PDB file of N, CA and C in Angstrom:
ATOM      1  N   MET A   1     -21.457  20.077  -4.099  1.00  0.00           N
ATOM      2  CA  MET A   1     -20.432  21.351  -3.595  1.00  0.00           C
ATOM      3  C   MET A   1     -19.753  22.279  -4.083  1.00  0.00           C
ATOM      4  N   VAL A   2     -19.121  23.175  -3.652  1.00  0.00           N
ATOM      5  CA  VAL A   2     -18.044  24.341  -4.836  1.00  0.00           C
ATOM      6  C   VAL A   2     -16.861  24.279  -3.553  1.00  0.00           C
ATOM      7  N   ARG A   3     -15.530  24.121  -4.993  1.00  0.00           N
ATOM      8  CA  ARG A   3     -14.392  23.357  -4.570  1.00  0.00           C
ATOM      9  C   ARG A   3     -14.334  25.513  -3.563  1.00  0.00           C
ATOM     10  N   ALA A   4     -13.622  25.340  -2.422  1.00  0.00           N
ATOM     11  CA  ALA A   4     -12.523  26.791  -1.723  1.00  0.00           C
ATOM     12  C   ALA A   4     -11.891  27.296  -2.450  1.00  0.00           C
ATOM     13  N   ASP A   5     -11.643  27.149  -3.642  1.00  0.00           N
ATOM     14  CA  ASP A   5     -10.670  27.548  -3.987  1.00  0.00           C
ATOM     15  C   ASP A   5     -11.317  28.569  -5.339  1.00  0.00           C
ATOM     16  N   LYS A   6     -12.943  28.053  -5.704  1.00  0.00           N
ATOM     17  CA  LYS A   6     -13.412  28.937  -5.835  1.00  0.00           C
ATOM     18  C   LYS A   6     -14.278  29.672  -5.761  1.00  0.00           C
ATOM     19  N   GLN A   7     -14.357  29.586  -5.147  1.00  0.00           N
ATOM     20  CA  GLN A   7     -15.682  30.721  -3.941  1.00  0.00           C
ATOM     21  C   GLN A   7     -14.639  31.624  -2.712  1.00  0.00           C
ATOM     22  N   GLY A   8     -14.966  33.069  -2.460  1.00  0.00           N
ATOM     23  CA  GLY A   8     -15.051  33.376  -1.152  1.00  0.00           C
ATOM     24  C   GLY A   8     -13.435  33.421  -1.195  1.00  0.00           C
ATOM     25  N   PRO A   9     -12.611  33.368  -0.448  1.00  0.00           N
ATOM     26  CA  PRO A   9     -11.712  34.499   0.241  1.00  0.00           C
ATOM     27  C   PRO A   9     -10.229  34.145  -0.689  1.00  0.00           C
ATOM     28  N   HIS A  10     -10.760  32.766  -0.345  1.00  0.00           N
ATOM     29  CA  HIS A  10      -9.590  32.118  -0.991  1.00  0.00           C
ATOM     30  C   HIS A  10      -9.451  31.865  -2.498  1.00  0.00           C
ATOM     31  N   ARG A  11     -10.912  32.199  -3.064  1.00  0.00           N
ATOM     32  CA  ARG A  11     -10.394  32.645  -4.729  1.00  0.00           C
ATOM     33  C   ARG A  11      -9.845  33.745  -5.304  1.00  0.00           C
ATOM     34  N   VAL A  12      -9.952  34.494  -4.018  1.00  0.00           N
ATOM     35  CA  VAL A  12      -9.445  36.323  -4.513  1.00  0.00           C
ATOM     36  C   VAL A  12      -7.624  35.782  -4.500  1.00  0.00           C
ATOM     37  N   ALA A  13      -8.001  34.982  -3.221  1.00  0.00           N
ATOM     38  CA  ALA A  13      -5.831  35.000  -2.890  1.00  0.00           C
ATOM     39  C   ALA A  13      -5.326  33.947  -4.674  1.00  0.00           C
ATOM     40  N   PHE A  14      -6.324  33.464  -4.573  1.00  0.00           N
ATOM     41  CA  PHE A  14      -5.975  31.827  -5.509  1.00  0.00           C
ATOM     42  C   PHE A  14      -5.340  32.761  -7.551  1.00  0.00           C
ATOM     43  N   GLU A  15      -5.906  34.013  -7.267  1.00  0.00           N
ATOM     44  CA  GLU A  15      -6.268  34.823  -8.123  1.00  0.00           C
ATOM     45  C   GLU A  15      -5.575  35.449  -8.317  1.00  0.00           C
ATOM     46  N   LYS A  16      -4.878  35.560  -7.176  1.00  0.00           N
ATOM     47  CA  LYS A  16      -2.989  36.562  -6.637  1.00  0.00           C
ATOM     48  C   LYS A  16      -2.078  35.627  -6.850  1.00  0.00           C
ATOM     49  N   ASN A  17      -2.730  34.526  -7.101  1.00  0.00           N
ATOM     50  CA  ASN A  17      -1.127  34.049  -7.216  1.00  0.00           C
ATOM     51  C   ASN A  17      -0.961  33.155  -8.140  1.00  0.00           C
ATOM     52  N   ARG A  18      -2.832  33.175  -9.441  1.00  0.00           N
ATOM     53  CA  ARG A  18      -2.143  32.472 -10.217  1.00  0.00           C
ATOM     54  C   ARG A  18      -1.505  33.482 -11.827  1.00  0.00           C
ATOM     55  N   LYS A  19      -1.619  34.716 -11.021  1.00  0.00           N
ATOM     56  CA  LYS A  19      -0.765  36.057 -11.619  1.00  0.00           C
ATOM     57  C   LYS A  19       0.088  36.219 -12.106  1.00  0.00           C
ATOM     58  N   ARG A  20       1.078  36.028 -10.733  1.00  0.00           N
ATOM     59  CA  ARG A  20       1.914  36.044  -9.979  1.00  0.00           C
ATOM     60  C   ARG A  20       3.157  34.856 -10.758  1.00  0.00           C
ATOM     61  N   LEU A  21       2.642  33.301 -10.469  1.00  0.00           N
ATOM     62  CA  LEU A  21       3.137  32.300 -11.220  1.00  0.00           C
ATOM     63  C   LEU A  21       3.062  32.312 -12.694  1.00  0.00           C
ATOM     64  N   LEU A  22       1.556  33.180 -13.751  1.00  0.00           N
ATOM     65  CA  LEU A  22       1.944  33.343 -15.018  1.00  0.00           C
ATOM     66  C   LEU A  22       3.197  34.455 -15.299  1.00  0.00           C
ATOM     67  N   LYS A  23       3.357  35.778 -14.528  1.00  0.00           N
ATOM     68  CA  LYS A  23       4.584  36.067 -14.194  1.00  0.00           C
ATOM     69  C   LYS A  23       5.697  35.424 -14.373  1.00  0.00           C
ATOM     70  N   THR A  24       6.032  34.698 -13.084  1.00  0.00           N
ATOM     71  CA  THR A  24       7.862  34.768 -13.140  1.00  0.00           C
ATOM     72  C   THR A  24       7.728  33.012 -13.411  1.00  0.00           C
ATOM     73  N   ASP A  25       7.011  32.431 -13.916  1.00  0.00           N
ATOM     74  CA  ASP A  25       7.365  30.958 -14.166  1.00  0.00           C
ATOM     75  C   ASP A  25       6.969  30.794 -15.638  1.00  0.00           C
ATOM     76  N   ASN A  26       7.808  29.500 -16.183  1.00  0.00           N
ATOM     77  CA  ASN A  26       7.532  28.804 -17.282  1.00  0.00           C
ATOM     78  C   ASN A  26       7.644  27.782 -17.406  1.00  0.00           C
ATOM     79  N   VAL A  27       8.048  26.912 -16.788  1.00  0.00           N
ATOM     80  CA  VAL A  27       8.153  25.107 -16.797  1.00  0.00           C
ATOM     81  C   VAL A  27       7.045  25.301 -16.362  1.00  0.00           C
ATOM     82  N   CYS A  28       6.669  23.854 -17.004  1.00  0.00           N
ATOM     83  CA  CYS A  28       5.727  22.945 -16.446  1.00  0.00           C
ATOM     84  C   CYS A  28       6.354  22.714 -15.769  1.00  0.00           C
ATOM     85  N   GLY A  29       4.972  22.120 -14.817  1.00  0.00           N
ATOM     86  CA  GLY A  29       6.183  21.475 -13.069  1.00  0.00           C
ATOM     87  C   GLY A  29       6.066  19.823 -12.638  1.00  0.00           C
ATOM     88  N   ILE A  30       5.276  19.821 -13.752  1.00  0.00           N
ATOM     89  CA  ILE A  30       5.221  18.283 -13.299  1.00  0.00           C
ATOM     90  C   ILE A  30       5.514  17.587 -14.507  1.00  0.00           C
ATOM     91  N   CYS A  31       5.731  18.405 -15.994  1.00  0.00           N
ATOM     92  CA  CYS A  31       6.866  17.546 -17.147  1.00  0.00           C
ATOM     93  C   CYS A  31       8.663  18.290 -16.967  1.00  0.00           C
ATOM     94  N   GLY A  32       8.342  19.648 -17.135  1.00  0.00           N
ATOM     95  CA  GLY A  32       8.782  20.294 -16.354  1.00  0.00           C
ATOM     96  C   GLY A  32       9.749  20.613 -18.171  1.00  0.00           C
ATOM     97  N   GLN A  33       8.909  20.610 -18.849  1.00  0.00           N
ATOM     98  CA  GLN A  33       8.871  21.502 -20.103  1.00  0.00           C
ATOM     99  C   GLN A  33       8.966  23.142 -20.159  1.00  0.00           C
ATOM    100  N   LEU A  34       8.828  23.761 -21.408  1.00  0.00           N
ATOM    101  CA  LEU A  34       8.571  25.078 -21.585  1.00  0.00           C
ATOM    102  C   LEU A  34       7.315  25.233 -21.849  1.00  0.00           C
ATOM    103  N   ILE A  35       6.725  25.925 -21.269  1.00  0.00           N
ATOM    104  CA  ILE A  35       5.040  26.249 -20.897  1.00  0.00           C
ATOM    105  C   ILE A  35       5.083  27.607 -22.683  1.00  0.00           C
ATOM    106  N   ASP A  36       4.663  26.841 -23.546  1.00  0.00           N
ATOM    107  CA  ASP A  36       4.766  28.727 -24.231  1.00  0.00           C
ATOM    108  C   ASP A  36       2.421  29.357 -23.445  1.00  0.00           C
ATOM    109  N   LYS A  37       3.637  31.045 -23.032  1.00  0.00           N
ATOM    110  CA  LYS A  37       2.337  30.580 -22.459  1.00  0.00           C
ATOM    111  C   LYS A  37       1.152  31.751 -22.719  1.00  0.00           C
ATOM    112  N   LYS A  38       1.577  31.600 -24.675  1.00  0.00           N
ATOM    113  CA  LYS A  38      -0.067  31.809 -26.110  1.00  0.00           C
ATOM    114  C   LYS A  38      -0.064  31.433 -26.210  1.00  0.00           C
ATOM    115  N   LEU A  39      -0.844  30.471 -26.056  1.00  0.00           N
ATOM    116  CA  LEU A  39      -1.515  29.574 -26.359  1.00  0.00           C
ATOM    117  C   LEU A  39      -2.569  29.690 -25.389  1.00  0.00           C
ATOM    118  N   LYS A  40      -3.581  29.291 -25.900  1.00  0.00           N
ATOM    119  CA  LYS A  40      -4.794  29.879 -24.664  1.00  0.00           C
ATOM    120  C   LYS A  40      -5.677  27.908 -25.061  1.00  0.00           C
ATOM    121  N   ALA A  41      -6.666  28.275 -23.880  1.00  0.00           N
ATOM    122  CA  ALA A  41      -7.581  27.208 -24.269  1.00  0.00           C
ATOM    123  C   ALA A  41      -7.950  27.469 -24.545  1.00  0.00           C
ATOM    124  N   PRO A  42      -8.657  26.236 -25.915  1.00  0.00           N
ATOM    125  CA  PRO A  42      -9.081  24.501 -24.696  1.00  0.00           C
ATOM    126  C   PRO A  42      -7.469  23.836 -25.386  1.00  0.00           C
ATOM    127  N   ASP A  43      -6.339  24.277 -25.511  1.00  0.00           N
ATOM    128  CA  ASP A  43      -5.179  23.566 -26.855  1.00  0.00           C
ATOM    129  C   ASP A  43      -4.843  22.582 -25.840  1.00  0.00           C
ATOM    130  N   PRO A  44      -4.920  21.892 -25.561  1.00  0.00           N
ATOM    131  CA  PRO A  44      -3.906  20.965 -24.401  1.00  0.00           C
ATOM    132  C   PRO A  44      -2.629  21.575 -23.479  1.00  0.00           C
ATOM    133  N   MET A  45      -1.586  21.341 -24.719  1.00  0.00           N
ATOM    134  CA  MET A  45      -0.750  22.512 -23.922  1.00  0.00           C
ATOM    135  C   MET A  45      -0.433  24.268 -24.102  1.00  0.00           C
ATOM    136  N   SER A  46      -1.650  25.069 -23.298  1.00  0.00           N
ATOM    137  CA  SER A  46      -1.475  26.224 -22.322  1.00  0.00           C
ATOM    138  C   SER A  46      -1.328  25.385 -21.069  1.00  0.00           C
ATOM    139  N   ALA A  47      -0.771  27.235 -20.262  1.00  0.00           N
ATOM    140  CA  ALA A  47      -1.017  26.746 -19.317  1.00  0.00           C
ATOM    141  C   ALA A  47      -2.526  27.274 -18.002  1.00  0.00           C
ATOM    142  N   VAL A  48      -1.368  26.122 -16.785  1.00  0.00           N
ATOM    143  CA  VAL A  48      -2.947  26.301 -16.106  1.00  0.00           C
ATOM    144  C   VAL A  48      -1.713  25.867 -14.334  1.00  0.00           C
ATOM    145  N   VAL A  49      -2.946  26.467 -13.762  1.00  0.00           N
ATOM    146  CA  VAL A  49      -2.223  26.465 -12.448  1.00  0.00           C
ATOM    147  C   VAL A  49      -2.800  25.403 -11.818  1.00  0.00           C
ATOM    148  N   ASP A  50      -1.931  24.357 -11.230  1.00  0.00           N
ATOM    149  CA  ASP A  50      -2.034  23.333 -10.343  1.00  0.00           C
ATOM    150  C   ASP A  50      -2.149  23.095  -8.960  1.00  0.00           C
ATOM    151  N   HIS A  51      -3.046  22.777  -9.075  1.00  0.00           N
ATOM    152  CA  HIS A  51      -1.973  22.696  -7.417  1.00  0.00           C
ATOM    153  C   HIS A  51      -1.054  21.210  -6.728  1.00  0.00           C
ATOM    154  N   ILE A  52      -0.112  21.239  -6.621  1.00  0.00           N
ATOM    155  CA  ILE A  52       0.517  20.015  -6.178  1.00  0.00           C
ATOM    156  C   ILE A  52      -0.275  18.982  -5.465  1.00  0.00           C
ATOM    157  N   ILE A  53      -0.938  19.001  -3.915  1.00  0.00           N
ATOM    158  CA  ILE A  53      -0.796  18.396  -3.037  1.00  0.00           C
ATOM    159  C   ILE A  53      -2.579  19.315  -3.617  1.00  0.00           C
ATOM    160  N   PRO A  54      -3.387  18.256  -3.534  1.00  0.00           N
ATOM    161  CA  PRO A  54      -4.804  18.274  -4.856  1.00  0.00           C
ATOM    162  C   PRO A  54      -5.426  18.698  -3.548  1.00  0.00           C
ATOM    163  N   VAL A  55      -6.093  19.802  -4.129  1.00  0.00           N
ATOM    164  CA  VAL A  55      -7.760  20.412  -2.313  1.00  0.00           C
ATOM    165  C   VAL A  55      -7.891  19.108  -2.024  1.00  0.00           C
ATOM    166  N   SER A  56      -8.989  17.990  -3.329  1.00  0.00           N
ATOM    167  CA  SER A  56      -9.529  16.496  -2.162  1.00  0.00           C
ATOM    168  C   SER A  56      -8.543  16.146  -1.759  1.00  0.00           C
ATOM    169  N   LYS A  57      -8.066  15.925  -2.366  1.00  0.00           N
ATOM    170  CA  LYS A  57      -6.694  15.131  -0.534  1.00  0.00           C
ATOM    171  C   LYS A  57      -6.035  16.763   0.981  1.00  0.00           C
ATOM    172  N   GLY A  58      -6.142  17.572   1.128  1.00  0.00           N
ATOM    173  CA  GLY A  58      -6.211  17.973   2.247  1.00  0.00           C
ATOM    174  C   GLY A  58      -5.382  19.629   1.763  1.00  0.00           C
ATOM    175  N   GLY A  59      -4.898  19.391   0.549  1.00  0.00           N
ATOM    176  CA  GLY A  59      -3.879  20.495  -0.474  1.00  0.00           C
ATOM    177  C   GLY A  59      -4.841  22.241   0.444  1.00  0.00           C
ATOM    178  N   HIS A  60      -4.240  23.168   0.872  1.00  0.00           N
ATOM    179  CA  HIS A  60      -4.457  24.084   0.782  1.00  0.00           C
ATOM    180  C   HIS A  60      -5.219  24.793  -0.602  1.00  0.00           C
ATOM    181  N   PRO A  61      -6.099  25.805  -0.834  1.00  0.00           N
ATOM    182  CA  PRO A  61      -6.762  26.088  -1.768  1.00  0.00           C
ATOM    183  C   PRO A  61      -5.929  26.824  -2.908  1.00  0.00           C
ATOM    184  N   SER A  62      -5.101  27.652  -2.099  1.00  0.00           N
ATOM    185  CA  SER A  62      -4.099  29.724  -2.238  1.00  0.00           C
ATOM    186  C   SER A  62      -2.814  29.236  -2.022  1.00  0.00           C
ATOM    187  N   ASP A  63      -2.847  28.971  -1.871  1.00  0.00           N
ATOM    188  CA  ASP A  63      -0.980  29.205  -0.424  1.00  0.00           C
ATOM    189  C   ASP A  63      -0.805  28.881  -2.614  1.00  0.00           C
ATOM    190  N   ILE A  64       0.823  29.572  -2.204  1.00  0.00           N
ATOM    191  CA  ILE A  64       1.778  30.055  -3.470  1.00  0.00           C
ATOM    192  C   ILE A  64       2.753  28.736  -3.100  1.00  0.00           C
ATOM    193  N   ASP A  65       2.919  28.439  -2.032  1.00  0.00           N
ATOM    194  CA  ASP A  65       3.999  27.463  -2.443  1.00  0.00           C
ATOM    195  C   ASP A  65       2.129  25.469  -2.042  1.00  0.00           C
ATOM    196  N   ASN A  66       1.428  26.280  -2.460  1.00  0.00           N
ATOM    197  CA  ASN A  66       0.937  24.624  -2.683  1.00  0.00           C
ATOM    198  C   ASN A  66       0.006  24.829  -4.766  1.00  0.00           C
ATOM    199  N   LEU A  67       0.674  26.014  -4.932  1.00  0.00           N
ATOM    200  CA  LEU A  67       0.038  25.909  -6.672  1.00  0.00           C
ATOM    201  C   LEU A  67       1.530  26.384  -7.788  1.00  0.00           C
ATOM    202  N   GLN A  68       1.511  25.959  -8.921  1.00  0.00           N
ATOM    203  CA  GLN A  68       2.471  25.470  -9.380  1.00  0.00           C
ATOM    204  C   GLN A  68       1.918  25.712 -11.070  1.00  0.00           C
ATOM    205  N   LEU A  69       2.491  26.513 -12.362  1.00  0.00           N
ATOM    206  CA  LEU A  69       1.747  26.173 -13.495  1.00  0.00           C
ATOM    207  C   LEU A  69       3.009  25.062 -14.468  1.00  0.00           C
ATOM    208  N   ALA A  70       1.743  24.290 -14.586  1.00  0.00           N
ATOM    209  CA  ALA A  70       1.614  23.668 -15.308  1.00  0.00           C
ATOM    210  C   ALA A  70       0.771  23.915 -16.818  1.00  0.00           C
ATOM    211  N   HIS A  71       0.871  22.498 -17.794  1.00  0.00           N
ATOM    212  CA  HIS A  71       0.751  21.921 -18.875  1.00  0.00           C
ATOM    213  C   HIS A  71      -1.607  21.759 -18.688  1.00  0.00           C
ATOM    214  N   TRP A  72      -2.441  22.344 -19.694  1.00  0.00           N
ATOM    215  CA  TRP A  72      -3.781  21.903 -19.664  1.00  0.00           C
ATOM    216  C   TRP A  72      -3.142  20.232 -19.806  1.00  0.00           C
ATOM    217  N   THR A  73      -2.582  20.638 -20.328  1.00  0.00           N
ATOM    218  CA  THR A  73      -2.713  18.066 -20.149  1.00  0.00           C
ATOM    219  C   THR A  73      -1.887  17.251 -19.537  1.00  0.00           C
ATOM    220  N   CYS A  74      -0.762  18.215 -19.122  1.00  0.00           N
ATOM    221  CA  CYS A  74      -0.129  17.300 -17.989  1.00  0.00           C
ATOM    222  C   CYS A  74      -1.177  17.502 -16.743  1.00  0.00           C
ATOM    223  N   ASN A  75      -1.278  18.623 -16.571  1.00  0.00           N
ATOM    224  CA  ASN A  75      -2.007  18.641 -15.148  1.00  0.00           C
ATOM    225  C   ASN A  75      -3.620  17.261 -15.212  1.00  0.00           C
ATOM    226  N   ARG A  76      -4.319  17.385 -16.016  1.00  0.00           N
ATOM    227  CA  ARG A  76      -5.308  16.742 -16.583  1.00  0.00           C
ATOM    228  C   ARG A  76      -4.602  14.624 -15.918  1.00  0.00           C
ATOM    229  N   GLN A  77      -3.990  14.798 -16.224  1.00  0.00           N
ATOM    230  CA  GLN A  77      -3.282  13.327 -16.614  1.00  0.00           C
ATOM    231  C   GLN A  77      -2.843  13.047 -15.220  1.00  0.00           C
ATOM    232  N   LYS A  78      -2.676  13.663 -14.163  1.00  0.00           N
ATOM    233  CA  LYS A  78      -2.297  14.268 -12.720  1.00  0.00           C
ATOM    234  C   LYS A  78      -3.169  13.995 -11.844  1.00  0.00           C
ATOM    235  N   SER A  79      -3.806  14.697 -12.130  1.00  0.00           N
ATOM    236  CA  SER A  79      -5.034  14.234 -11.475  1.00  0.00           C
ATOM    237  C   SER A  79      -5.393  14.736 -10.012  1.00  0.00           C
ATOM    238  N   ASP A  80      -5.724  14.325  -9.052  1.00  0.00           N
ATOM    239  CA  ASP A  80      -6.186  14.006  -7.830  1.00  0.00           C
ATOM    240  C   ASP A  80      -5.112  12.972  -7.688  1.00  0.00           C
ATOM    241  N   LYS A  81      -3.689  12.466  -7.422  1.00  0.00           N
ATOM    242  CA  LYS A  81      -2.930  11.304  -7.761  1.00  0.00           C
ATOM    243  C   LYS A  81      -1.707  12.086  -6.920  1.00  0.00           C
ATOM    244  N   LEU A  82      -0.941  11.536  -5.968  1.00  0.00           N
ATOM    245  CA  LEU A  82       0.895  11.502  -5.498  1.00  0.00           C
ATOM    246  C   LEU A  82       1.741  10.651  -6.294  1.00  0.00           C
ATOM    247  N   PHE A  83       3.687  10.795  -6.315  1.00  0.00           N
ATOM    248  CA  PHE A  83       3.702   9.741  -5.440  1.00  0.00           C
ATOM    249  C   PHE A  83       4.437   9.843  -4.975  1.00  0.00           C
ATOM    250  N   ASN A  84       5.723   8.955  -4.787  1.00  0.00           N
ATOM    251  CA  ASN A  84       6.749   9.092  -3.175  1.00  0.00           C
ATOM    252  C   ASN A  84       8.402   8.072  -4.353  1.00  0.00           C
ATOM    253  N   ASN A  85       9.067   8.867  -4.340  1.00  0.00           N
ATOM    254  CA  ASN A  85       9.547   8.267  -5.359  1.00  0.00           C
ATOM    255  C   ASN A  85      10.804   8.899  -4.370  1.00  0.00           C
ATOM    256  N   LYS A  86      12.298   7.261  -3.895  1.00  0.00           N
ATOM    257  CA  LYS A  86      13.233   6.917  -3.411  1.00  0.00           C
ATOM    258  C   LYS A  86      13.828   6.582  -4.623  1.00  0.00           C
ATOM    259  N   ILE A  87      14.799   7.572  -3.484  1.00  0.00           N
ATOM    260  CA  ILE A  87      16.676   6.250  -4.229  1.00  0.00           C
ATOM    261  C   ILE A  87      17.291   5.909  -3.735  1.00  0.00           C
ATOM    262  N   ASN A  88      17.571   3.590  -3.792  1.00  0.00           N
ATOM    263  CA  ASN A  88      18.396   3.263  -2.805  1.00  0.00           C
ATOM    264  C   ASN A  88      19.061   3.101  -2.920  1.00  0.00           C
ATOM    265  N   ASN A  89      20.620   3.191  -1.795  1.00  0.00           N
ATOM    266  CA  ASN A  89      22.067   2.518  -2.128  1.00  0.00           C
ATOM    267  C   ASN A  89      22.041   1.403  -1.992  1.00  0.00           C
ATOM    268  N   ASN A  90      22.328   0.599  -4.052  1.00  0.00           N
ATOM    269  CA  ASN A  90      22.846  -1.598  -3.037  1.00  0.00           C
ATOM    270  C   ASN A  90      24.361  -1.124  -3.324  1.00  0.00           C
ATOM    271  N   ASN A  91      25.416  -1.764  -3.327  1.00  0.00           N
ATOM    272  CA  ASN A  91      26.499  -1.764  -2.982  1.00  0.00           C
ATOM    273  C   ASN A  91      27.095  -0.931  -4.884  1.00  0.00           C
ATOM    274  N   ASN A  92      26.450   0.211  -4.159  1.00  0.00           N
ATOM    275  CA  ASN A  92      27.442   1.190  -4.833  1.00  0.00           C
ATOM    276  C   ASN A  92      25.692   1.107  -6.750  1.00  0.00           C
ATOM    277  N   ASN A  93      25.227   0.557  -6.580  1.00  0.00           N
ATOM    278  CA  ASN A  93      23.856   0.375  -7.619  1.00  0.00           C
ATOM    279  C   ASN A  93      22.823   1.414  -7.293  1.00  0.00           C
ATOM    280  N   LYS A  94      22.157   2.189  -7.779  1.00  0.00           N
ATOM    281  CA  LYS A  94      21.022   3.281  -7.373  1.00  0.00           C
ATOM    282  C   LYS A  94      20.837   2.842  -7.769  1.00  0.00           C
ATOM    283  N   GLU A  95      19.015   2.390  -7.228  1.00  0.00           N
ATOM    284  CA  GLU A  95      17.900   1.737  -7.118  1.00  0.00           C
ATOM    285  C   GLU A  95      16.641   2.861  -7.048  1.00  0.00           C
ATOM    286  N   LYS A  96      15.904   3.292  -8.149  1.00  0.00           N
ATOM    287  CA  LYS A  96      15.570   3.810  -8.203  1.00  0.00           C
ATOM    288  C   LYS A  96      13.402   2.640  -7.402  1.00  0.00           C
ATOM    289  N   THR A  97      13.203   3.496  -6.445  1.00  0.00           N
ATOM    290  CA  THR A  97      11.642   2.659  -6.024  1.00  0.00           C
ATOM    291  C   THR A  97      10.369   3.764  -6.411  1.00  0.00           C
ATOM    292  N   THR A  98       9.444   3.504  -6.443  1.00  0.00           N
ATOM    293  CA  THR A  98       8.641   4.031  -5.888  1.00  0.00           C
ATOM    294  C   THR A  98       7.089   3.486  -5.426  1.00  0.00           C
ATOM    295  N   THR A  99       6.756   4.662  -4.634  1.00  0.00           N
ATOM    296  CA  THR A  99       5.601   4.049  -2.980  1.00  0.00           C
ATOM    297  C   THR A  99       4.509   4.988  -3.742  1.00  0.00           C
ATOM    298  N   VAL A 100       3.836   4.143  -4.087  1.00  0.00           N
ATOM    299  CA  VAL A 100       2.607   4.863  -4.865  1.00  0.00           C
ATOM    300  C   VAL A 100       1.949   5.433  -3.925  1.00  0.00           C
ATOM    301  N   LEU A 101       0.972   7.313  -4.384  1.00  0.00           N
ATOM    302  CA  LEU A 101       0.866   7.449  -3.134  1.00  0.00           C
ATOM    303  C   LEU A 101      -1.159   8.615  -4.654  1.00  0.00           C
ATOM    304  N   GLY A 102      -0.206   7.670  -5.266  1.00  0.00           N
ATOM    305  CA  GLY A 102      -0.433   7.865  -7.368  1.00  0.00           C
ATOM    306  C   GLY A 102       0.054   8.365  -8.133  1.00  0.00           C
ATOM    307  N   ASN A 103       0.232   9.487  -8.850  1.00  0.00           N
ATOM    308  CA  ASN A 103       0.630   9.379 -10.215  1.00  0.00           C
ATOM    309  C   ASN A 103       1.185  10.862 -10.811  1.00  0.00           C
ATOM    310  N   ARG A 104       1.992  11.237  -9.598  1.00  0.00           N
ATOM    311  CA  ARG A 104       2.367  12.313 -10.044  1.00  0.00           C
ATOM    312  C   ARG A 104       3.972  12.537  -9.785  1.00  0.00           C
ATOM    313  N   ASN A 105       5.427  12.603  -9.933  1.00  0.00           N
ATOM    314  CA  ASN A 105       6.458  12.420  -9.569  1.00  0.00           C
ATOM    315  C   ASN A 105       6.541  14.638  -8.328  1.00  0.00           C
ATOM    316  N   LEU A 106       6.385  14.786  -6.973  1.00  0.00           N
ATOM    317  CA  LEU A 106       6.553  15.964  -6.641  1.00  0.00           C
ATOM    318  C   LEU A 106       8.100  17.111  -6.697  1.00  0.00           C
ATOM    319  N   PRO A 107       7.505  17.665  -6.869  1.00  0.00           N
ATOM    320  CA  PRO A 107       9.466  18.154  -6.459  1.00  0.00           C
ATOM    321  C   PRO A 107      10.151  18.259  -4.630  1.00  0.00           C
ATOM    322  N   GLN A 108      11.203  17.593  -5.128  1.00  0.00           N
ATOM    323  CA  GLN A 108      11.542  16.979  -3.810  1.00  0.00           C
ATOM    324  C   GLN A 108      12.614  18.680  -2.697  1.00  0.00           C
ATOM    325  N   SER A 109      11.540  19.666  -3.197  1.00  0.00           N
ATOM    326  CA  SER A 109      12.177  20.546  -2.689  1.00  0.00           C
ATOM    327  C   SER A 109      11.591  20.816  -1.268  1.00  0.00           C
ATOM    328  N   ILE A 110      10.237  20.358  -0.874  1.00  0.00           N
ATOM    329  CA  ILE A 110       9.231  19.815   0.523  1.00  0.00           C
ATOM    330  C   ILE A 110       9.478  18.168   1.046  1.00  0.00           C
ATOM    331  N   ASP A 111       9.657  18.256   2.375  1.00  0.00           N
ATOM    332  CA  ASP A 111       9.216  16.379   1.736  1.00  0.00           C
ATOM    333  C   ASP A 111       7.608  16.555   1.935  1.00  0.00           C
ATOM    334  N   TRP A 112       7.098  16.330   1.301  1.00  0.00           N
ATOM    335  CA  TRP A 112       6.027  15.885   1.193  1.00  0.00           C
ATOM    336  C   TRP A 112       4.642  15.004   1.600  1.00  0.00           C
ATOM    337  N   VAL A 113       5.545  14.061   1.846  1.00  0.00           N
ATOM    338  CA  VAL A 113       5.311  13.041   2.909  1.00  0.00           C
ATOM    339  C   VAL A 113       4.968  13.587   3.908  1.00  0.00           C
ATOM    340  N   ASN A 114       4.953  13.966   4.252  1.00  0.00           N
ATOM    341  CA  ASN A 114       4.444  14.878   5.411  1.00  0.00           C
ATOM    342  C   ASN A 114       4.177  16.318   5.757  1.00  0.00           C
ATOM    343  N   TYR A 115       3.615  16.450   4.218  1.00  0.00           N
ATOM    344  CA  TYR A 115       3.377  17.877   4.235  1.00  0.00           C
ATOM    345  C   TYR A 115       1.790  17.782   4.770  1.00  0.00           C
ATOM    346  N   LYS A 116       1.931  18.895   5.359  1.00  0.00           N
ATOM    347  CA  LYS A 116       0.229  19.294   5.855  1.00  0.00           C
ATOM    348  C   LYS A 116      -0.123  20.828   5.472  1.00  0.00           C
ATOM    349  N   ALA A 117      -1.753  20.540   5.423  1.00  0.00           N
ATOM    350  CA  ALA A 117      -2.368  21.819   4.433  1.00  0.00           C
ATOM    351  C   ALA A 117      -2.443  22.651   6.682  1.00  0.00           C
ATOM    352  N   LYS A 118      -2.315  23.825   5.517  1.00  0.00           N
ATOM    353  CA  LYS A 118      -2.223  25.558   6.317  1.00  0.00           C
ATOM    354  C   LYS A 118      -3.561  25.484   6.305  1.00  0.00           C
TER     355      LYS A 118
END
């Protein structure tokens, strides 16, 4: 079975959004480091477009809100898993707890636990 972002109407929208991200972003959404856009595949530090919520987990295949620029190697390590990090304040001692949804720290701009694909 072919993924939705690889065929049909989602392919056109994905390509449009991929070009937009390559023009506007320059930081890996996973590790936070700068991306050298001069590097091309198969270089492990080359730029790729990552699905924040993986398509296999119900993420939208072409929505710009579900896409981010990433290093190829970061994207491979992230795979199709997710993390949910929370900071607990106990007696002025901040403690970070992680509920494992997978192997990824998601940006805090959206409540990803309650995220619903469009």
